[in-house]
């Protein structure tokens, strides 16, 4: 599975193109469960695409990972360093893939170790 770790998307695009609930996206950002940036002079938040699964859904494992990274002071860049890591010695799966497979325990352990 491939998750873009660099693309940033506005909530309006996520809502229109993938059916994400823009009110829920905003709530998750305010509660520290999604990373977002607002460019200077803009009134719209940009959300890192890696946080969203099919249909614009934000898996619980992503929410937990973001919240923990914030709590541990890693921020998005620190979390992305963890998410880019390969899982195991062989294969192409990365930590970010685990978040979308429903089991974020390995990622949570890696975040704690990185903090």
N, C-alpha and C. Protein backbone atom coordinates (compact mmCIF):
# COMPACT_ATOMS: atom_id res chain seq x y z
N UNK A 1 0.85 -1.17 0.00
CA UNK A 1 0.00 0.00 0.00
C UNK A 1 0.90 1.23 0.00
N UNK A 2 0.44 2.30 -0.67
CA UNK A 2 1.23 3.53 -0.72
C UNK A 2 0.45 4.67 -0.09
N UNK A 3 1.10 5.38 0.80
CA UNK A 3 0.51 6.56 1.42
C UNK A 3 1.48 7.71 1.20
N UNK A 4 1.00 8.78 0.55
CA UNK A 4 1.86 9.93 0.33
C UNK A 4 2.16 10.60 1.67
N UNK A 5 3.44 10.75 1.95
CA UNK A 5 3.84 11.38 3.20
C UNK A 5 4.15 12.86 3.01
N UNK A 6 3.94 13.38 1.79
CA UNK A 6 4.27 14.78 1.54
C UNK A 6 3.10 15.64 1.06
N UNK A 7 2.12 15.07 0.41
CA UNK A 7 1.01 15.86 -0.14
C UNK A 7 0.18 16.49 0.96
N UNK A 8 -0.24 17.73 0.72
CA UNK A 8 -1.14 18.42 1.64
C UNK A 8 -2.40 18.82 0.89
N UNK A 9 -3.55 18.60 1.52
CA UNK A 9 -4.83 18.81 0.87
C UNK A 9 -5.75 19.67 1.73
N UNK A 10 -6.49 20.58 1.10
CA UNK A 10 -7.46 21.37 1.87
C UNK A 10 -8.68 20.53 2.24
N UNK A 11 -9.31 20.89 3.34
CA UNK A 11 -10.51 20.16 3.79
C UNK A 11 -11.59 20.19 2.73
N UNK A 12 -11.72 21.29 2.00
CA UNK A 12 -12.76 21.38 0.96
C UNK A 12 -12.52 20.32 -0.12
N UNK A 13 -11.26 20.09 -0.49
CA UNK A 13 -10.94 19.06 -1.48
C UNK A 13 -11.26 17.67 -0.92
N UNK A 14 -10.84 17.43 0.34
CA UNK A 14 -11.10 16.13 0.96
C UNK A 14 -12.60 15.86 1.03
N UNK A 15 -13.37 16.88 1.32
CA UNK A 15 -14.82 16.73 1.42
C UNK A 15 -15.44 16.45 0.05
N UNK A 16 -15.04 17.21 -0.95
CA UNK A 16 -15.61 17.09 -2.29
C UNK A 16 -15.16 15.83 -3.00
N UNK A 17 -13.86 15.54 -2.96
CA UNK A 17 -13.30 14.45 -3.76
C UNK A 17 -13.39 13.07 -3.11
N UNK A 18 -13.23 12.99 -1.81
CA UNK A 18 -13.23 11.67 -1.19
C UNK A 18 -14.34 11.48 -0.16
N UNK A 19 -15.17 12.49 0.00
CA UNK A 19 -16.33 12.35 0.88
C UNK A 19 -16.03 12.48 2.36
N UNK A 20 -14.89 13.06 2.70
CA UNK A 20 -14.58 13.26 4.12
C UNK A 20 -15.51 14.30 4.71
N UNK A 21 -15.86 14.14 5.97
CA UNK A 21 -16.73 15.08 6.67
C UNK A 21 -15.89 16.25 7.15
N UNK A 22 -16.08 17.43 6.56
CA UNK A 22 -15.23 18.58 6.88
C UNK A 22 -15.38 19.02 8.34
N UNK A 23 -16.55 18.87 8.92
CA UNK A 23 -16.73 19.22 10.33
C UNK A 23 -15.94 18.26 11.23
N UNK A 24 -15.92 16.99 10.87
CA UNK A 24 -15.17 15.99 11.63
C UNK A 24 -13.67 16.24 11.48
N UNK A 25 -13.23 16.58 10.28
CA UNK A 25 -11.82 16.89 10.05
C UNK A 25 -11.40 18.06 10.94
N UNK A 26 -12.21 19.10 10.99
CA UNK A 26 -11.90 20.27 11.81
C UNK A 26 -11.87 19.89 13.29
N UNK A 27 -12.81 19.08 13.73
CA UNK A 27 -12.85 18.64 15.13
C UNK A 27 -11.58 17.85 15.48
N UNK A 28 -11.16 16.96 14.59
CA UNK A 28 -9.96 16.16 14.84
C UNK A 28 -8.71 17.05 14.89
N UNK A 29 -8.65 18.07 14.04
CA UNK A 29 -7.52 19.00 14.07
C UNK A 29 -7.48 19.74 15.40
N UNK A 30 -8.62 20.25 15.83
CA UNK A 30 -8.68 21.01 17.08
C UNK A 30 -8.37 20.15 18.29
N UNK A 31 -8.69 18.86 18.22
CA UNK A 31 -8.44 17.97 19.36
C UNK A 31 -7.03 17.36 19.33
N UNK A 32 -6.22 17.74 18.33
CA UNK A 32 -4.86 17.23 18.26
C UNK A 32 -4.73 15.84 17.67
N UNK A 33 -5.74 15.41 16.91
CA UNK A 33 -5.71 14.08 16.32
C UNK A 33 -5.42 14.10 14.82
N UNK A 34 -5.23 15.28 14.25
CA UNK A 34 -4.81 15.44 12.86
C UNK A 34 -3.82 16.59 12.79
N UNK A 35 -2.81 16.43 11.94
CA UNK A 35 -1.89 17.52 11.68
C UNK A 35 -2.45 18.37 10.55
N UNK A 36 -2.30 19.68 10.68
CA UNK A 36 -2.70 20.61 9.63
C UNK A 36 -1.86 21.87 9.75
N UNK A 37 -1.71 22.55 8.62
CA UNK A 37 -1.03 23.84 8.61
C UNK A 37 -1.92 24.83 7.88
N UNK A 38 -1.75 26.08 8.22
CA UNK A 38 -2.48 27.13 7.52
C UNK A 38 -1.44 28.09 6.95
N UNK A 39 -1.32 28.13 5.62
CA UNK A 39 -0.35 29.04 5.00
C UNK A 39 -0.68 30.50 5.33
N UNK A 40 0.36 31.32 5.41
CA UNK A 40 0.17 32.75 5.66
C UNK A 40 -0.81 33.33 4.66
N UNK A 41 -1.76 34.10 5.15
CA UNK A 41 -2.73 34.77 4.31
C UNK A 41 -3.89 33.89 3.86
N UNK A 42 -3.91 32.64 4.26
CA UNK A 42 -4.98 31.73 3.85
C UNK A 42 -5.97 31.55 5.00
N UNK A 43 -7.21 31.27 4.66
CA UNK A 43 -8.19 30.97 5.70
C UNK A 43 -8.52 29.47 5.72
N UNK A 44 -7.76 28.69 4.96
CA UNK A 44 -8.04 27.26 4.87
C UNK A 44 -6.86 26.44 5.38
N UNK A 45 -7.18 25.43 6.18
CA UNK A 45 -6.17 24.51 6.71
C UNK A 45 -5.82 23.50 5.63
N UNK A 46 -4.54 23.09 5.60
CA UNK A 46 -4.08 22.03 4.72
C UNK A 46 -3.72 20.83 5.58
N UNK A 47 -4.22 19.68 5.16
CA UNK A 47 -4.04 18.44 5.92
C UNK A 47 -3.11 17.51 5.17
N UNK A 48 -2.18 16.91 5.88
CA UNK A 48 -1.27 15.95 5.27
C UNK A 48 -2.06 14.73 4.81
N UNK A 49 -1.90 14.38 3.54
CA UNK A 49 -2.70 13.32 2.93
C UNK A 49 -2.50 11.96 3.58
N UNK A 50 -1.33 11.71 4.16
CA UNK A 50 -1.05 10.40 4.73
C UNK A 50 -2.02 10.03 5.84
N UNK A 51 -2.72 10.99 6.41
CA UNK A 51 -3.60 10.74 7.55
C UNK A 51 -4.95 10.14 7.16
N UNK A 52 -5.26 10.13 5.87
CA UNK A 52 -6.60 9.75 5.41
C UNK A 52 -6.58 8.44 4.66
N UNK A 53 -7.57 7.60 4.99
CA UNK A 53 -7.74 6.34 4.29
C UNK A 53 -8.84 6.45 3.25
N UNK A 54 -9.32 5.33 2.76
CA UNK A 54 -10.39 5.32 1.77
C UNK A 54 -11.62 6.09 2.27
N UNK A 55 -12.22 6.85 1.37
CA UNK A 55 -13.42 7.62 1.73
C UNK A 55 -13.14 8.77 2.67
N UNK A 56 -11.86 9.13 2.80
CA UNK A 56 -11.51 10.24 3.69
C UNK A 56 -11.54 9.89 5.15
N UNK A 57 -11.68 8.61 5.46
CA UNK A 57 -11.74 8.16 6.85
C UNK A 57 -10.38 8.28 7.50
N UNK A 58 -10.37 8.69 8.76
CA UNK A 58 -9.13 8.78 9.54
C UNK A 58 -9.15 7.61 10.53
N UNK A 59 -8.32 6.59 10.29
CA UNK A 59 -8.32 5.43 11.18
C UNK A 59 -7.97 5.81 12.62
N UNK A 60 -8.50 5.06 13.56
CA UNK A 60 -8.21 5.29 14.97
C UNK A 60 -6.72 5.24 15.25
N UNK A 61 -6.00 4.34 14.58
CA UNK A 61 -4.56 4.23 14.80
C UNK A 61 -3.83 5.51 14.40
N UNK A 62 -4.30 6.17 13.34
CA UNK A 62 -3.71 7.45 12.93
C UNK A 62 -3.97 8.49 14.00
N UNK A 63 -5.19 8.54 14.50
CA UNK A 63 -5.54 9.51 15.55
C UNK A 63 -4.66 9.33 16.78
N UNK A 64 -4.48 8.07 17.20
CA UNK A 64 -3.66 7.78 18.38
C UNK A 64 -2.19 8.15 18.13
N UNK A 65 -1.69 7.85 16.95
CA UNK A 65 -0.30 8.15 16.62
C UNK A 65 -0.04 9.66 16.60
N UNK A 66 -0.95 10.41 16.01
CA UNK A 66 -0.80 11.86 15.95
C UNK A 66 -0.85 12.45 17.36
N UNK A 67 -1.83 12.04 18.13
CA UNK A 67 -1.96 12.56 19.50
C UNK A 67 -0.71 12.24 20.33
N UNK A 68 -0.20 11.02 20.22
CA UNK A 68 0.99 10.64 20.98
C UNK A 68 2.21 11.44 20.52
N UNK A 69 2.37 11.60 19.21
CA UNK A 69 3.50 12.38 18.70
C UNK A 69 3.45 13.81 19.23
N UNK A 70 2.27 14.39 19.27
CA UNK A 70 2.11 15.74 19.81
C UNK A 70 2.45 15.74 21.30
N UNK A 71 1.88 14.79 22.03
CA UNK A 71 2.12 14.71 23.48
C UNK A 71 3.59 14.51 23.81
N UNK A 72 4.31 13.76 22.97
CA UNK A 72 5.73 13.48 23.20
C UNK A 72 6.64 14.57 22.64
N UNK A 73 6.05 15.57 21.99
CA UNK A 73 6.83 16.67 21.45
C UNK A 73 7.54 16.37 20.14
N UNK A 74 7.13 15.30 19.45
CA UNK A 74 7.76 14.95 18.18
C UNK A 74 7.28 15.83 17.04
N UNK A 75 6.04 16.25 17.08
CA UNK A 75 5.48 16.99 15.96
C UNK A 75 5.36 16.10 14.73
N UNK A 76 4.91 16.71 13.65
CA UNK A 76 4.68 15.93 12.44
C UNK A 76 5.99 15.42 11.84
N UNK A 77 7.02 16.23 11.81
CA UNK A 77 8.30 15.78 11.23
C UNK A 77 8.87 14.58 11.98
N UNK A 78 8.81 14.61 13.29
CA UNK A 78 9.29 13.47 14.07
C UNK A 78 8.47 12.22 13.81
N UNK A 79 7.17 12.41 13.72
CA UNK A 79 6.29 11.27 13.44
C UNK A 79 6.57 10.73 12.04
N UNK A 80 6.78 11.61 11.07
CA UNK A 80 7.06 11.15 9.71
C UNK A 80 8.36 10.35 9.64
N UNK A 81 9.35 10.71 10.44
CA UNK A 81 10.58 9.91 10.48
C UNK A 81 10.28 8.47 10.92
N UNK A 82 9.40 8.35 11.90
CA UNK A 82 8.99 7.01 12.36
C UNK A 82 8.20 6.31 11.27
N UNK A 83 7.26 6.99 10.65
CA UNK A 83 6.37 6.36 9.67
C UNK A 83 7.08 5.93 8.39
N UNK A 84 8.21 6.55 8.08
CA UNK A 84 8.97 6.18 6.87
C UNK A 84 9.78 4.89 7.06
N UNK A 85 9.96 4.47 8.29
CA UNK A 85 10.75 3.27 8.56
C UNK A 85 10.10 2.03 7.98
N UNK A 86 10.96 1.13 7.53
CA UNK A 86 10.49 -0.18 7.05
C UNK A 86 10.12 -1.05 8.25
N UNK A 87 9.17 -1.93 8.02
CA UNK A 87 8.76 -2.89 9.05
C UNK A 87 9.53 -4.18 8.78
N UNK A 88 10.28 -4.63 9.73
CA UNK A 88 11.06 -5.86 9.57
C UNK A 88 12.29 -5.66 8.71
N UNK A 89 12.99 -6.73 8.48
CA UNK A 89 14.24 -6.68 7.72
C UNK A 89 14.04 -6.80 6.22
N UNK A 90 12.95 -7.39 5.81
CA UNK A 90 12.69 -7.56 4.38
C UNK A 90 11.30 -7.03 4.06
N UNK A 91 11.03 -6.82 2.81
CA UNK A 91 9.71 -6.38 2.39
C UNK A 91 9.65 -4.88 2.20
N UNK A 92 8.53 -4.44 1.67
CA UNK A 92 8.34 -3.03 1.34
C UNK A 92 7.41 -2.30 2.28
N UNK A 93 6.83 -2.98 3.23
CA UNK A 93 5.88 -2.35 4.14
C UNK A 93 6.59 -1.37 5.06
N UNK A 94 5.96 -0.21 5.24
CA UNK A 94 6.50 0.82 6.13
C UNK A 94 5.57 0.96 7.33
N UNK A 95 6.06 1.67 8.34
CA UNK A 95 5.27 1.88 9.56
C UNK A 95 3.93 2.54 9.23
N UNK A 96 3.92 3.48 8.29
CA UNK A 96 2.67 4.16 7.95
C UNK A 96 1.61 3.16 7.49
N UNK A 97 2.03 2.09 6.81
CA UNK A 97 1.08 1.09 6.34
C UNK A 97 0.37 0.39 7.49
N UNK A 98 1.09 0.20 8.60
CA UNK A 98 0.49 -0.46 9.75
C UNK A 98 -0.69 0.32 10.32
N UNK A 99 -0.63 1.65 10.21
CA UNK A 99 -1.72 2.48 10.74
C UNK A 99 -3.03 2.21 10.01
N UNK A 100 -2.94 1.80 8.76
CA UNK A 100 -4.14 1.59 7.96
C UNK A 100 -4.57 0.13 7.92
N UNK A 101 -3.79 -0.72 8.57
CA UNK A 101 -4.15 -2.13 8.67
C UNK A 101 -4.90 -2.42 9.96
N UNK A 102 -5.12 -1.36 10.76
CA UNK A 102 -5.92 -1.51 11.97
C UNK A 102 -5.15 -1.79 13.24
N UNK A 103 -3.84 -1.98 13.15
CA UNK A 103 -3.06 -2.27 14.34
C UNK A 103 -1.89 -1.31 14.42
N UNK A 104 -2.03 -0.31 15.25
CA UNK A 104 -0.99 0.69 15.39
C UNK A 104 -0.05 0.44 16.55
N UNK A 105 -0.12 -0.71 17.19
CA UNK A 105 0.71 -0.97 18.38
C UNK A 105 2.20 -0.85 18.09
N UNK A 106 2.64 -1.36 16.95
CA UNK A 106 4.06 -1.29 16.60
C UNK A 106 4.48 0.16 16.40
N UNK A 107 3.61 0.94 15.75
CA UNK A 107 3.89 2.35 15.51
C UNK A 107 3.92 3.11 16.83
N UNK A 108 2.98 2.83 17.71
CA UNK A 108 2.94 3.50 19.01
C UNK A 108 4.21 3.22 19.79
N UNK A 109 4.68 1.96 19.76
CA UNK A 109 5.93 1.61 20.43
C UNK A 109 7.11 2.37 19.82
N UNK A 110 7.12 2.49 18.51
CA UNK A 110 8.22 3.20 17.83
C UNK A 110 8.19 4.69 18.16
N UNK A 111 7.00 5.28 18.29
CA UNK A 111 6.88 6.68 18.67
C UNK A 111 7.42 6.89 20.07
N UNK A 112 7.02 6.01 20.98
CA UNK A 112 7.52 6.11 22.36
C UNK A 112 9.04 6.00 22.41
N UNK A 113 9.60 5.10 21.61
CA UNK A 113 11.05 4.91 21.59
C UNK A 113 11.76 6.13 20.98
N UNK A 114 11.13 6.78 20.03
CA UNK A 114 11.75 7.95 19.37
C UNK A 114 11.68 9.21 20.22
N UNK A 115 10.77 9.23 21.17
CA UNK A 115 10.56 10.45 21.98
C UNK A 115 11.63 10.63 23.04
